[in-house]
Protein backbone atom coordinates (compact mmCIF):
# COMPACT_ATOMS: atom_id res chain seq x y z
CA MET A 1 7.28 -20.15 -14.20
CA PRO A 2 9.53 -17.57 -15.81
CA ASP A 3 11.35 -15.03 -13.68
CA ASP A 4 10.84 -16.87 -10.39
CA ILE A 5 14.44 -15.99 -9.49
CA LEU A 6 15.36 -12.31 -9.41
CA THR A 7 18.62 -10.35 -9.43
CA VAL A 8 19.42 -7.40 -7.17
CA ARG A 9 18.51 -5.01 -10.00
CA GLU A 10 15.17 -6.75 -10.63
CA VAL A 11 14.26 -6.67 -6.92
CA ALA A 12 15.21 -2.99 -6.77
CA ALA A 13 12.94 -2.25 -9.73
CA LEU A 14 10.11 -4.31 -8.21
CA LEU A 15 10.35 -2.47 -4.88
CA LYS A 16 11.15 0.88 -6.54
CA VAL A 17 14.32 1.37 -4.50
CA SER A 18 18.02 1.49 -5.35
CA ASP A 19 20.29 -1.52 -5.76
CA LYS A 20 22.16 -0.26 -2.69
CA THR A 21 18.98 -0.43 -0.57
CA VAL A 22 18.35 -4.03 -1.66
CA ARG A 23 21.94 -4.98 -0.79
CA ARG A 24 21.70 -3.24 2.60
CA LEU A 25 18.44 -5.02 3.49
CA GLU A 26 19.94 -8.34 2.42
CA ALA A 27 23.12 -7.74 4.44
CA ARG A 28 21.04 -7.05 7.55
CA GLY A 29 19.21 -10.33 7.01
CA GLU A 30 15.92 -8.51 6.49
CA LEU A 31 15.41 -9.51 2.85
CA PRO A 32 15.48 -13.27 2.11
CA SER A 33 18.09 -14.24 -0.46
CA PHE A 34 20.56 -16.88 -1.56
CA ARG A 35 23.80 -16.87 -3.49
CA VAL A 36 24.76 -18.39 -6.79
CA GLY A 37 28.51 -18.17 -6.60
CA ALA A 38 29.20 -14.58 -5.59
CA GLN A 39 25.91 -13.23 -6.95
CA LEU A 40 22.79 -12.58 -4.89
CA ARG A 41 19.48 -14.03 -6.01
CA PHE A 42 15.97 -13.70 -4.63
CA ARG A 43 12.86 -15.83 -5.02
CA ARG A 44 9.91 -13.77 -6.24
CA VAL A 45 7.53 -15.46 -3.78
CA ASP A 46 9.88 -14.58 -0.88
CA ILE A 47 9.94 -10.92 -1.94
CA TYR A 48 6.13 -10.78 -2.13
CA ALA A 49 5.88 -12.44 1.30
CA TRP A 50 8.41 -9.94 2.70
CA VAL A 51 6.37 -7.03 1.32
CA GLU A 52 3.19 -8.39 2.93
CA ALA A 53 5.00 -8.85 6.26
CA GLN A 54 6.19 -5.24 6.08
CA ARG A 55 2.65 -4.05 5.37
CA SER A 56 1.27 -6.10 8.27
CA ALA A 57 3.95 -4.82 10.65
CA GLY A 58 3.16 -1.24 9.64
CA SER A 59 -0.54 -1.68 10.36
CA GLN A 60 -0.07 -2.96 13.91
CA PRO A 61 -1.30 -0.54 16.59
CA GLU A 62 1.43 0.83 18.81
CA ASP A 63 1.46 -0.13 22.48
CA ALA A 64 0.04 2.78 24.44
CA GLY A 65 1.33 1.31 27.71
């Protein structure tokens, strides 16, 4: 499958955020990534799964307790 591995810029475009936001999320360990030498790379399936997890977390009812 073409484009299964994404760069920071490609992830930023996919999520419609800045490169800096992608790097910050990755540095916090929130966005799954790996390195090829000094460069960050992301698996497309991991990014889609992360987006779905964010959507699910946002739809959880808050504890009224």
